[in-house]
């Protein structure tokens, strides 16, 4: 946590911008994968939905614990870091997938 509010806000703006950029990478990779088809497209769609549901549950828990603890920021920094970690793992996994390479 930052003691300087401007530094904290700058950090959150940067983290949020990076999350948006990285998320767009995942969207593009998934759309490419879906458009190309193949045997693992159904699995990717199911994984996408299950990951979203699991992340929603995890971040809801973070917010509830922050609210119960009387924190006014409701764990916003932790939530953004959580999503960046998940999105980063998706970028890495989808980048390694041979079906995302041009043929």
PDB file of N, CA and C in Angstrom:
ATOM      1  N   UNK A   1       0.832  -1.189   0.000  1.00  0.00           N
ATOM      2  CA  UNK A   1       0.000   0.000   0.000  1.00  0.00           C
ATOM      3  C   UNK A   1       0.878   1.254   0.000  1.00  0.00           C
ATOM      4  N   UNK A   2       0.386   2.263  -0.669  1.00  0.00           N
ATOM      5  CA  UNK A   2       1.114   3.513  -0.785  1.00  0.00           C
ATOM      6  C   UNK A   2       0.583   4.521   0.220  1.00  0.00           C
ATOM      7  N   UNK A   3       1.488   5.292   0.811  1.00  0.00           N
ATOM      8  CA  UNK A   3       1.065   6.345   1.733  1.00  0.00           C
ATOM      9  C   UNK A   3       0.636   7.583   0.965  1.00  0.00           C
ATOM     10  N   UNK A   4       1.245   7.814  -0.182  1.00  0.00           N
ATOM     11  CA  UNK A   4       0.911   8.959  -1.016  1.00  0.00           C
ATOM     12  C   UNK A   4      -0.292   8.591  -1.895  1.00  0.00           C
ATOM     13  N   UNK A   5      -1.429   9.290  -1.750  1.00  0.00           N
ATOM     14  CA  UNK A   5      -2.620   8.950  -2.536  1.00  0.00           C
ATOM     15  C   UNK A   5      -2.423   9.099  -4.044  1.00  0.00           C
ATOM     16  N   UNK A   6      -1.606  10.048  -4.475  1.00  0.00           N
ATOM     17  CA  UNK A   6      -1.368  10.221  -5.902  1.00  0.00           C
ATOM     18  C   UNK A   6      -0.578   9.040  -6.465  1.00  0.00           C
ATOM     19  N   UNK A   7       0.367   8.537  -5.693  1.00  0.00           N
ATOM     20  CA  UNK A   7       1.142   7.380  -6.123  1.00  0.00           C
ATOM     21  C   UNK A   7       0.255   6.140  -6.188  1.00  0.00           C
ATOM     22  N   UNK A   8      -0.623   6.010  -5.215  1.00  0.00           N
ATOM     23  CA  UNK A   8      -1.561   4.877  -5.212  1.00  0.00           C
ATOM     24  C   UNK A   8      -2.484   4.936  -6.422  1.00  0.00           C
ATOM     25  N   UNK A   9      -2.980   6.124  -6.734  1.00  0.00           N
ATOM     26  CA  UNK A   9      -3.880   6.271  -7.873  1.00  0.00           C
ATOM     27  C   UNK A   9      -3.135   6.004  -9.185  1.00  0.00           C
ATOM     28  N   UNK A  10      -1.909   6.504  -9.274  1.00  0.00           N
ATOM     29  CA  UNK A  10      -1.107   6.255 -10.479  1.00  0.00           C
ATOM     30  C   UNK A  10      -0.858   4.772 -10.670  1.00  0.00           C
ATOM     31  N   UNK A  11      -0.576   4.084  -9.588  1.00  0.00           N
ATOM     32  CA  UNK A  11      -0.341   2.652  -9.658  1.00  0.00           C
ATOM     33  C   UNK A  11      -1.592   1.914 -10.122  1.00  0.00           C
ATOM     34  N   UNK A  12      -2.742   2.274  -9.584  1.00  0.00           N
ATOM     35  CA  UNK A  12      -3.996   1.625  -9.979  1.00  0.00           C
ATOM     36  C   UNK A  12      -4.336   1.925 -11.442  1.00  0.00           C
ATOM     37  N   UNK A  13      -4.064   3.150 -11.884  1.00  0.00           N
ATOM     38  CA  UNK A  13      -4.309   3.490 -13.289  1.00  0.00           C
ATOM     39  C   UNK A  13      -3.427   2.646 -14.204  1.00  0.00           C
ATOM     40  N   UNK A  14      -2.161   2.507 -13.835  1.00  0.00           N
ATOM     41  CA  UNK A  14      -1.244   1.696 -14.636  1.00  0.00           C
ATOM     42  C   UNK A  14      -1.686   0.241 -14.649  1.00  0.00           C
ATOM     43  N   UNK A  15      -1.987  -0.311 -13.478  1.00  0.00           N
ATOM     44  CA  UNK A  15      -2.407  -1.716 -13.381  1.00  0.00           C
ATOM     45  C   UNK A  15      -3.701  -1.945 -14.168  1.00  0.00           C
ATOM     46  N   UNK A  16      -4.620  -1.008 -14.082  1.00  0.00           N
ATOM     47  CA  UNK A  16      -5.879  -1.124 -14.814  1.00  0.00           C
ATOM     48  C   UNK A  16      -5.667  -1.059 -16.316  1.00  0.00           C
ATOM     49  N   UNK A  17      -4.784  -0.176 -16.756  1.00  0.00           N
ATOM     50  CA  UNK A  17      -4.484  -0.065 -18.186  1.00  0.00           C
ATOM     51  C   UNK A  17      -3.816  -1.339 -18.694  1.00  0.00           C
ATOM     52  N   UNK A  18      -2.910  -1.895 -17.916  1.00  0.00           N
ATOM     53  CA  UNK A  18      -2.248  -3.137 -18.313  1.00  0.00           C
ATOM     54  C   UNK A  18      -3.248  -4.291 -18.369  1.00  0.00           C
ATOM     55  N   UNK A  19      -4.169  -4.321 -17.416  1.00  0.00           N
ATOM     56  CA  UNK A  19      -5.206  -5.358 -17.425  1.00  0.00           C
ATOM     57  C   UNK A  19      -6.052  -5.244 -18.698  1.00  0.00           C
ATOM     58  N   UNK A  20      -6.408  -4.040 -19.071  1.00  0.00           N
ATOM     59  CA  UNK A  20      -7.202  -3.837 -20.287  1.00  0.00           C
ATOM     60  C   UNK A  20      -6.426  -4.290 -21.521  1.00  0.00           C
ATOM     61  N   UNK A  21      -5.164  -3.925 -21.605  1.00  0.00           N
ATOM     62  CA  UNK A  21      -4.338  -4.312 -22.752  1.00  0.00           C
ATOM     63  C   UNK A  21      -4.182  -5.830 -22.830  1.00  0.00           C
ATOM     64  N   UNK A  22      -3.835  -6.445 -21.712  1.00  0.00           N
ATOM     65  CA  UNK A  22      -3.621  -7.893 -21.687  1.00  0.00           C
ATOM     66  C   UNK A  22      -4.919  -8.654 -21.961  1.00  0.00           C
ATOM     67  N   UNK A  23      -6.030  -8.138 -21.464  1.00  0.00           N
ATOM     68  CA  UNK A  23      -7.322  -8.777 -21.715  1.00  0.00           C
ATOM     69  C   UNK A  23      -7.664  -8.776 -23.197  1.00  0.00           C
ATOM     70  N   UNK A  24      -7.340  -7.679 -23.884  1.00  0.00           N
ATOM     71  CA  UNK A  24      -7.593  -7.614 -25.320  1.00  0.00           C
ATOM     72  C   UNK A  24      -6.760  -8.644 -26.081  1.00  0.00           C
ATOM     73  N   UNK A  25      -5.551  -8.912 -25.588  1.00  0.00           N
ATOM     74  CA  UNK A  25      -4.727  -9.954 -26.204  1.00  0.00           C
ATOM     75  C   UNK A  25      -5.430 -11.305 -26.104  1.00  0.00           C
ATOM     76  N   UNK A  26      -5.976 -11.603 -24.934  1.00  0.00           N
ATOM     77  CA  UNK A  26      -6.664 -12.879 -24.731  1.00  0.00           C
ATOM     78  C   UNK A  26      -7.897 -12.965 -25.631  1.00  0.00           C
ATOM     79  N   UNK A  27      -8.656 -11.888 -25.714  1.00  0.00           N
ATOM     80  CA  UNK A  27      -9.843 -11.877 -26.568  1.00  0.00           C
ATOM     81  C   UNK A  27      -9.439 -12.156 -28.019  1.00  0.00           C
ATOM     82  N   UNK A  28      -8.401 -11.491 -28.490  1.00  0.00           N
ATOM     83  CA  UNK A  28      -7.956 -11.688 -29.879  1.00  0.00           C
ATOM     84  C   UNK A  28      -7.491 -13.121 -30.109  1.00  0.00           C
ATOM     85  N   UNK A  29      -6.730 -13.665 -29.171  1.00  0.00           N
ATOM     86  CA  UNK A  29      -6.242 -15.037 -29.329  1.00  0.00           C
ATOM     87  C   UNK A  29      -7.382 -16.047 -29.310  1.00  0.00           C
ATOM     88  N   UNK A  30      -8.351 -15.826 -28.422  1.00  0.00           N
ATOM     89  CA  UNK A  30      -9.480 -16.751 -28.355  1.00  0.00           C
ATOM     90  C   UNK A  30     -10.348 -16.663 -29.603  1.00  0.00           C
ATOM     91  N   UNK A  31     -10.608 -15.459 -30.077  1.00  0.00           N
ATOM     92  CA  UNK A  31     -11.410 -15.313 -31.292  1.00  0.00           C
ATOM     93  C   UNK A  31     -10.724 -15.985 -32.473  1.00  0.00           C
ATOM     94  N   UNK A  32      -9.411 -15.852 -32.548  1.00  0.00           N
ATOM     95  CA  UNK A  32      -8.657 -16.517 -33.618  1.00  0.00           C
ATOM     96  C   UNK A  32      -8.797 -18.030 -33.497  1.00  0.00           C
ATOM     97  N   UNK A  33      -8.654 -18.517 -32.288  1.00  0.00           N
ATOM     98  CA  UNK A  33      -8.772 -19.962 -32.051  1.00  0.00           C
ATOM     99  C   UNK A  33     -10.168 -20.457 -32.437  1.00  0.00           C
ATOM    100  N   UNK A  34     -11.190 -19.727 -32.019  1.00  0.00           N
ATOM    101  CA  UNK A  34     -12.568 -20.126 -32.335  1.00  0.00           C
ATOM    102  C   UNK A  34     -12.813 -20.082 -33.849  1.00  0.00           C
ATOM    103  N   UNK A  35     -12.291 -19.063 -34.519  1.00  0.00           N
ATOM    104  CA  UNK A  35     -12.497 -18.933 -35.963  1.00  0.00           C
ATOM    105  C   UNK A  35     -11.809 -20.044 -36.742  1.00  0.00           C
ATOM    106  N   UNK A  36     -10.657 -20.485 -36.243  1.00  0.00           N
ATOM    107  CA  UNK A  36      -9.911 -21.543 -36.928  1.00  0.00           C
ATOM    108  C   UNK A  36     -10.528 -22.921 -36.694  1.00  0.00           C
ATOM    109  N   UNK A  37     -11.292 -23.045 -35.619  1.00  0.00           N
ATOM    110  CA  UNK A  37     -11.916 -24.330 -35.309  1.00  0.00           C
ATOM    111  C   UNK A  37     -10.907 -25.332 -34.808  1.00  0.00           C
ATOM    112  N   UNK A  38     -11.316 -26.555 -34.744  1.00  0.00           N
ATOM    113  CA  UNK A  38     -10.413 -27.605 -34.285  1.00  0.00           C
ATOM    114  C   UNK A  38     -11.004 -28.351 -33.107  1.00  0.00           C
ATOM    115  N   UNK A  39     -10.326 -29.407 -32.714  1.00  0.00           N
ATOM    116  CA  UNK A  39     -10.872 -30.275 -31.670  1.00  0.00           C
ATOM    117  C   UNK A  39     -10.897 -29.663 -30.265  1.00  0.00           C
ATOM    118  N   UNK A  40     -10.063 -28.661 -30.019  1.00  0.00           N
ATOM    119  CA  UNK A  40     -10.001 -28.114 -28.660  1.00  0.00           C
ATOM    120  C   UNK A  40     -10.794 -26.822 -28.471  1.00  0.00           C
ATOM    121  N   UNK A  41     -11.582 -26.421 -29.476  1.00  0.00           N
ATOM    122  CA  UNK A  41     -12.360 -25.180 -29.369  1.00  0.00           C
ATOM    123  C   UNK A  41     -13.433 -25.284 -28.290  1.00  0.00           C
ATOM    124  N   UNK A  42     -14.123 -26.404 -28.238  1.00  0.00           N
ATOM    125  CA  UNK A  42     -15.165 -26.594 -27.211  1.00  0.00           C
ATOM    126  C   UNK A  42     -14.551 -26.532 -25.813  1.00  0.00           C
ATOM    127  N   UNK A  43     -13.403 -27.188 -25.648  1.00  0.00           N
ATOM    128  CA  UNK A  43     -12.724 -27.184 -24.345  1.00  0.00           C
ATOM    129  C   UNK A  43     -12.312 -25.771 -23.954  1.00  0.00           C
ATOM    130  N   UNK A  44     -11.832 -24.989 -24.924  1.00  0.00           N
ATOM    131  CA  UNK A  44     -11.431 -23.604 -24.653  1.00  0.00           C
ATOM    132  C   UNK A  44     -12.635 -22.769 -24.222  1.00  0.00           C
ATOM    133  N   UNK A  45     -13.766 -22.947 -24.882  1.00  0.00           N
ATOM    134  CA  UNK A  45     -14.974 -22.195 -24.519  1.00  0.00           C
ATOM    135  C   UNK A  45     -15.430 -22.566 -23.102  1.00  0.00           C
ATOM    136  N   UNK A  46     -15.399 -23.845 -22.786  1.00  0.00           N
ATOM    137  CA  UNK A  46     -15.787 -24.286 -21.447  1.00  0.00           C
ATOM    138  C   UNK A  46     -14.812 -23.773 -20.389  1.00  0.00           C
ATOM    139  N   UNK A  47     -13.528 -23.808 -20.712  1.00  0.00           N
ATOM    140  CA  UNK A  47     -12.510 -23.307 -19.786  1.00  0.00           C
ATOM    141  C   UNK A  47     -12.699 -21.818 -19.536  1.00  0.00           C
ATOM    142  N   UNK A  48     -12.997 -21.078 -20.599  1.00  0.00           N
ATOM    143  CA  UNK A  48     -13.200 -19.641 -20.490  1.00  0.00           C
ATOM    144  C   UNK A  48     -14.338 -19.326 -19.505  1.00  0.00           C
ATOM    145  N   UNK A  49     -15.445 -20.025 -19.653  1.00  0.00           N
ATOM    146  CA  UNK A  49     -16.596 -19.771 -18.777  1.00  0.00           C
ATOM    147  C   UNK A  49     -16.293 -20.192 -17.340  1.00  0.00           C
ATOM    148  N   UNK A  50     -15.687 -21.361 -17.164  1.00  0.00           N
ATOM    149  CA  UNK A  50     -15.407 -21.828 -15.800  1.00  0.00           C
ATOM    150  C   UNK A  50     -14.386 -20.928 -15.096  1.00  0.00           C
ATOM    151  N   UNK A  51     -13.396 -20.424 -15.845  1.00  0.00           N
ATOM    152  CA  UNK A  51     -12.420 -19.497 -15.257  1.00  0.00           C
ATOM    153  C   UNK A  51     -13.093 -18.211 -14.802  1.00  0.00           C
ATOM    154  N   UNK A  52     -14.012 -17.721 -15.621  1.00  0.00           N
ATOM    155  CA  UNK A  52     -14.712 -16.482 -15.258  1.00  0.00           C
ATOM    156  C   UNK A  52     -15.559 -16.661 -13.997  1.00  0.00           C
ATOM    157  N   UNK A  53     -16.226 -17.796 -13.906  1.00  0.00           N
ATOM    158  CA  UNK A  53     -17.054 -18.061 -12.722  1.00  0.00           C
ATOM    159  C   UNK A  53     -16.190 -18.205 -11.465  1.00  0.00           C
ATOM    160  N   UNK A  54     -15.064 -18.898 -11.588  1.00  0.00           N
ATOM    161  CA  UNK A  54     -14.165 -19.081 -10.446  1.00  0.00           C
ATOM    162  C   UNK A  54     -13.575 -17.735 -10.008  1.00  0.00           C
ATOM    163  N   UNK A  55     -13.181 -16.897 -10.972  1.00  0.00           N
ATOM    164  CA  UNK A  55     -12.624 -15.584 -10.633  1.00  0.00           C
ATOM    165  C   UNK A  55     -13.670 -14.680  -9.988  1.00  0.00           C
ATOM    166  N   UNK A  56     -14.897 -14.760 -10.474  1.00  0.00           N
ATOM    167  CA  UNK A  56     -15.977 -13.984  -9.868  1.00  0.00           C
ATOM    168  C   UNK A  56     -16.167 -14.378  -8.406  1.00  0.00           C
ATOM    169  N   UNK A  57     -16.149 -15.668  -8.129  1.00  0.00           N
ATOM    170  CA  UNK A  57     -16.301 -16.141  -6.748  1.00  0.00           C
ATOM    171  C   UNK A  57     -15.137 -15.671  -5.884  1.00  0.00           C
ATOM    172  N   UNK A  58     -13.913 -15.775  -6.406  1.00  0.00           N
ATOM    173  CA  UNK A  58     -12.736 -15.359  -5.639  1.00  0.00           C
ATOM    174  C   UNK A  58     -12.742 -13.865  -5.352  1.00  0.00           C
ATOM    175  N   UNK A  59     -13.051 -13.054  -6.354  1.00  0.00           N
ATOM    176  CA  UNK A  59     -13.043 -11.606  -6.141  1.00  0.00           C
ATOM    177  C   UNK A  59     -14.218 -11.150  -5.275  1.00  0.00           C
ATOM    178  N   UNK A  60     -15.329 -11.845  -5.357  1.00  0.00           N
ATOM    179  CA  UNK A  60     -16.461 -11.525  -4.472  1.00  0.00           C
ATOM    180  C   UNK A  60     -16.061 -11.771  -3.024  1.00  0.00           C
ATOM    181  N   UNK A  61     -15.352 -12.854  -2.801  1.00  0.00           N
ATOM    182  CA  UNK A  61     -14.873 -13.153  -1.444  1.00  0.00           C
ATOM    183  C   UNK A  61     -13.917 -12.063  -0.961  1.00  0.00           C
ATOM    184  N   UNK A  62     -13.011 -11.615  -1.837  1.00  0.00           N
ATOM    185  CA  UNK A  62     -12.083 -10.539  -1.464  1.00  0.00           C
ATOM    186  C   UNK A  62     -12.836  -9.278  -1.055  1.00  0.00           C
ATOM    187  N   UNK A  63     -13.856  -8.920  -1.835  1.00  0.00           N
ATOM    188  CA  UNK A  63     -14.630  -7.718  -1.537  1.00  0.00           C
ATOM    189  C   UNK A  63     -15.404  -7.859  -0.238  1.00  0.00           C
ATOM    190  N   UNK A  64     -15.986  -9.040  -0.010  1.00  0.00           N
ATOM    191  CA  UNK A  64     -16.736  -9.263   1.229  1.00  0.00           C
ATOM    192  C   UNK A  64     -15.817  -9.166   2.442  1.00  0.00           C
ATOM    193  N   UNK A  65     -14.639  -9.786   2.355  1.00  0.00           N
ATOM    194  CA  UNK A  65     -13.696  -9.735   3.470  1.00  0.00           C
ATOM    195  C   UNK A  65     -13.218  -8.308   3.722  1.00  0.00           C
ATOM    196  N   UNK A  66     -13.006  -7.540   2.655  1.00  0.00           N
ATOM    197  CA  UNK A  66     -12.596  -6.145   2.818  1.00  0.00           C
ATOM    198  C   UNK A  66     -13.714  -5.327   3.459  1.00  0.00           C
ATOM    199  N   UNK A  67     -14.958  -5.562   3.026  1.00  0.00           N
ATOM    200  CA  UNK A  67     -16.093  -4.831   3.592  1.00  0.00           C
ATOM    201  C   UNK A  67     -16.292  -5.185   5.067  1.00  0.00           C
ATOM    202  N   UNK A  68     -16.191  -6.468   5.375  1.00  0.00           N
ATOM    203  CA  UNK A  68     -16.335  -6.901   6.778  1.00  0.00           C
ATOM    204  C   UNK A  68     -15.228  -6.310   7.632  1.00  0.00           C
ATOM    205  N   UNK A  69     -14.023  -6.195   7.040  1.00  0.00           N
ATOM    206  CA  UNK A  69     -12.888  -5.626   7.759  1.00  0.00           C
ATOM    207  C   UNK A  69     -12.912  -4.113   7.831  1.00  0.00           C
ATOM    208  N   UNK A  70     -13.901  -3.479   7.232  1.00  0.00           N
ATOM    209  CA  UNK A  70     -14.040  -2.027   7.287  1.00  0.00           C
ATOM    210  C   UNK A  70     -13.104  -1.280   6.357  1.00  0.00           C
ATOM    211  N   UNK A  71     -12.602  -1.938   5.318  1.00  0.00           N
ATOM    212  CA  UNK A  71     -11.700  -1.269   4.385  1.00  0.00           C
ATOM    213  C   UNK A  71     -12.522  -0.539   3.330  1.00  0.00           C
ATOM    214  N   UNK A  72     -12.195   0.716   3.116  1.00  0.00           N
ATOM    215  CA  UNK A  72     -12.988   1.521   2.185  1.00  0.00           C
ATOM    216  C   UNK A  72     -12.678   1.227   0.725  1.00  0.00           C
ATOM    217  N   UNK A  73     -11.490   0.682   0.422  1.00  0.00           N
ATOM    218  CA  UNK A  73     -11.150   0.444  -0.980  1.00  0.00           C
ATOM    219  C   UNK A  73     -11.692  -0.879  -1.508  1.00  0.00           C
ATOM    220  N   UNK A  74     -12.277  -1.704  -0.652  1.00  0.00           N
ATOM    221  CA  UNK A  74     -12.843  -3.002  -1.017  1.00  0.00           C
ATOM    222  C   UNK A  74     -11.879  -3.877  -1.817  1.00  0.00           C
ATOM    223  N   UNK A  75     -10.606  -3.788  -1.457  1.00  0.00           N
ATOM    224  CA  UNK A  75      -9.560  -4.645  -2.026  1.00  0.00           C
ATOM    225  C   UNK A  75      -9.380  -4.463  -3.532  1.00  0.00           C
ATOM    226  N   UNK A  76      -9.590  -3.257  -4.029  1.00  0.00           N
ATOM    227  CA  UNK A  76      -9.495  -3.003  -5.473  1.00  0.00           C
ATOM    228  C   UNK A  76      -8.130  -3.397  -6.022  1.00  0.00           C
ATOM    229  N   UNK A  77      -7.072  -3.056  -5.324  1.00  0.00           N
ATOM    230  CA  UNK A  77      -5.720  -3.375  -5.792  1.00  0.00           C
ATOM    231  C   UNK A  77      -5.515  -4.888  -5.889  1.00  0.00           C
ATOM    232  N   UNK A  78      -5.998  -5.620  -4.894  1.00  0.00           N
ATOM    233  CA  UNK A  78      -5.872  -7.083  -4.907  1.00  0.00           C
ATOM    234  C   UNK A  78      -6.681  -7.693  -6.048  1.00  0.00           C
ATOM    235  N   UNK A  79      -7.845  -7.135  -6.305  1.00  0.00           N
ATOM    236  CA  UNK A  79      -8.707  -7.669  -7.365  1.00  0.00           C
ATOM    237  C   UNK A  79      -8.065  -7.472  -8.735  1.00  0.00           C
ATOM    238  N   UNK A  80      -7.512  -6.292  -8.989  1.00  0.00           N
ATOM    239  CA  UNK A  80      -6.851  -6.043 -10.270  1.00  0.00           C
ATOM    240  C   UNK A  80      -5.648  -6.970 -10.425  1.00  0.00           C
ATOM    241  N   UNK A  81      -4.868  -7.145  -9.364  1.00  0.00           N
ATOM    242  CA  UNK A  81      -3.718  -8.059  -9.426  1.00  0.00           C
ATOM    243  C   UNK A  81      -4.171  -9.495  -9.677  1.00  0.00           C
ATOM    244  N   UNK A  82      -5.265  -9.880  -9.057  1.00  0.00           N
ATOM    245  CA  UNK A  82      -5.817 -11.227  -9.260  1.00  0.00           C
ATOM    246  C   UNK A  82      -6.148 -11.449 -10.738  1.00  0.00           C
ATOM    247  N   UNK A  83      -6.862 -10.491 -11.340  1.00  0.00           N
ATOM    248  CA  UNK A  83      -7.250 -10.629 -12.738  1.00  0.00           C
ATOM    249  C   UNK A  83      -6.045 -10.557 -13.671  1.00  0.00           C
ATOM    250  N   UNK A  84      -5.066  -9.713 -13.347  1.00  0.00           N
ATOM    251  CA  UNK A  84      -3.859  -9.653 -14.196  1.00  0.00           C
ATOM    252  C   UNK A  84      -3.122 -10.982 -14.182  1.00  0.00           C
ATOM    253  N   UNK A  85      -3.095 -11.628 -13.027  1.00  0.00           N
ATOM    254  CA  UNK A  85      -2.428 -12.931 -12.932  1.00  0.00           C
ATOM    255  C   UNK A  85      -3.156 -13.964 -13.798  1.00  0.00           C
ATOM    256  N   UNK A  86      -4.469 -13.986 -13.715  1.00  0.00           N
ATOM    257  CA  UNK A  86      -5.270 -14.932 -14.507  1.00  0.00           C
ATOM    258  C   UNK A  86      -5.141 -14.644 -16.004  1.00  0.00           C
ATOM    259  N   UNK A  87      -5.224 -13.380 -16.378  1.00  0.00           N
ATOM    260  CA  UNK A  87      -5.124 -13.000 -17.784  1.00  0.00           C
ATOM    261  C   UNK A  87      -3.723 -13.323 -18.313  1.00  0.00           C
ATOM    262  N   UNK A  88      -2.705 -13.050 -17.516  1.00  0.00           N
ATOM    263  CA  UNK A  88      -1.333 -13.366 -17.917  1.00  0.00           C
ATOM    264  C   UNK A  88      -1.143 -14.856 -18.168  1.00  0.00           C
ATOM    265  N   UNK A  89      -1.746 -15.677 -17.320  1.00  0.00           N
ATOM    266  CA  UNK A  89      -1.669 -17.129 -17.512  1.00  0.00           C
ATOM    267  C   UNK A  89      -2.368 -17.541 -18.807  1.00  0.00           C
ATOM    268  N   UNK A  90      -3.470 -16.883 -19.122  1.00  0.00           N
ATOM    269  CA  UNK A  90      -4.179 -17.177 -20.378  1.00  0.00           C
ATOM    270  C   UNK A  90      -3.348 -16.764 -21.590  1.00  0.00           C
ATOM    271  N   UNK A  91      -2.698 -15.611 -21.525  1.00  0.00           N
ATOM    272  CA  UNK A  91      -1.843 -15.166 -22.633  1.00  0.00           C
ATOM    273  C   UNK A  91      -0.735 -16.194 -22.856  1.00  0.00           C
ATOM    274  N   UNK A  92      -0.125 -16.633 -21.786  1.00  0.00           N
ATOM    275  CA  UNK A  92       0.967 -17.604 -21.891  1.00  0.00           C
ATOM    276  C   UNK A  92       0.462 -18.925 -22.480  1.00  0.00           C
ATOM    277  N   UNK A  93      -0.661 -19.407 -21.973  1.00  0.00           N
ATOM    278  CA  UNK A  93      -1.207 -20.681 -22.443  1.00  0.00           C
ATOM    279  C   UNK A  93      -1.636 -20.596 -23.899  1.00  0.00           C
ATOM    280  N   UNK A  94      -2.357 -19.541 -24.250  1.00  0.00           N
ATOM    281  CA  UNK A  94      -2.843 -19.405 -25.618  1.00  0.00           C
ATOM    282  C   UNK A  94      -1.708 -19.129 -26.605  1.00  0.00           C
ATOM    283  N   UNK A  95      -0.661 -18.450 -26.164  1.00  0.00           N
ATOM    284  CA  UNK A  95       0.484 -18.199 -27.026  1.00  0.00           C
ATOM    285  C   UNK A  95       1.231 -19.474 -27.362  1.00  0.00           C
ATOM    286  N   UNK A  96       1.213 -20.430 -26.449  1.00  0.00           N
ATOM    287  CA  UNK A  96       1.916 -21.697 -26.656  1.00  0.00           C
ATOM    288  C   UNK A  96       1.108 -22.661 -27.513  1.00  0.00           C
ATOM    289  N   UNK A  97      -0.170 -22.353 -27.711  1.00  0.00           N
ATOM    290  CA  UNK A  97      -1.053 -23.241 -28.463  1.00  0.00           C
ATOM    291  C   UNK A  97      -0.745 -23.177 -29.951  1.00  0.00           C
ATOM    292  N   UNK A  98      -0.456 -24.321 -30.579  1.00  0.00           N
ATOM    293  CA  UNK A  98      -0.134 -24.309 -32.008  1.00  0.00           C
ATOM    294  C   UNK A  98      -1.302 -23.878 -32.890  1.00  0.00           C
ATOM    295  N   UNK A  99      -2.542 -23.997 -32.395  1.00  0.00           N
ATOM    296  CA  UNK A  99      -3.704 -23.622 -33.222  1.00  0.00           C
ATOM    297  C   UNK A  99      -3.854 -22.098 -33.335  1.00  0.00           C
ATOM    298  N   UNK A 100      -3.070 -21.325 -32.557  1.00  0.00           N
ATOM    299  CA  UNK A 100      -3.120 -19.865 -32.669  1.00  0.00           C
ATOM    300  C   UNK A 100      -2.063 -19.331 -33.624  1.00  0.00           C
ATOM    301  N   UNK A 101      -1.266 -20.196 -34.208  1.00  0.00           N
ATOM    302  CA  UNK A 101      -0.227 -19.766 -35.146  1.00  0.00           C
ATOM    303  C   UNK A 101      -0.785 -19.765 -36.565  1.00  0.00           C
ATOM    304  N   UNK A 102      -0.357 -18.829 -37.337  1.00  0.00           N
ATOM    305  CA  UNK A 102      -0.785 -18.787 -38.748  1.00  0.00           C
ATOM    306  C   UNK A 102      -0.200 -19.992 -39.482  1.00  0.00           C
ATOM    307  N   UNK A 103      -0.984 -20.554 -40.385  1.00  0.00           N
ATOM    308  CA  UNK A 103      -0.528 -21.742 -41.097  1.00  0.00           C
ATOM    309  C   UNK A 103      -0.086 -21.428 -42.500  1.00  0.00           C
TER     310      UNK A 103
END
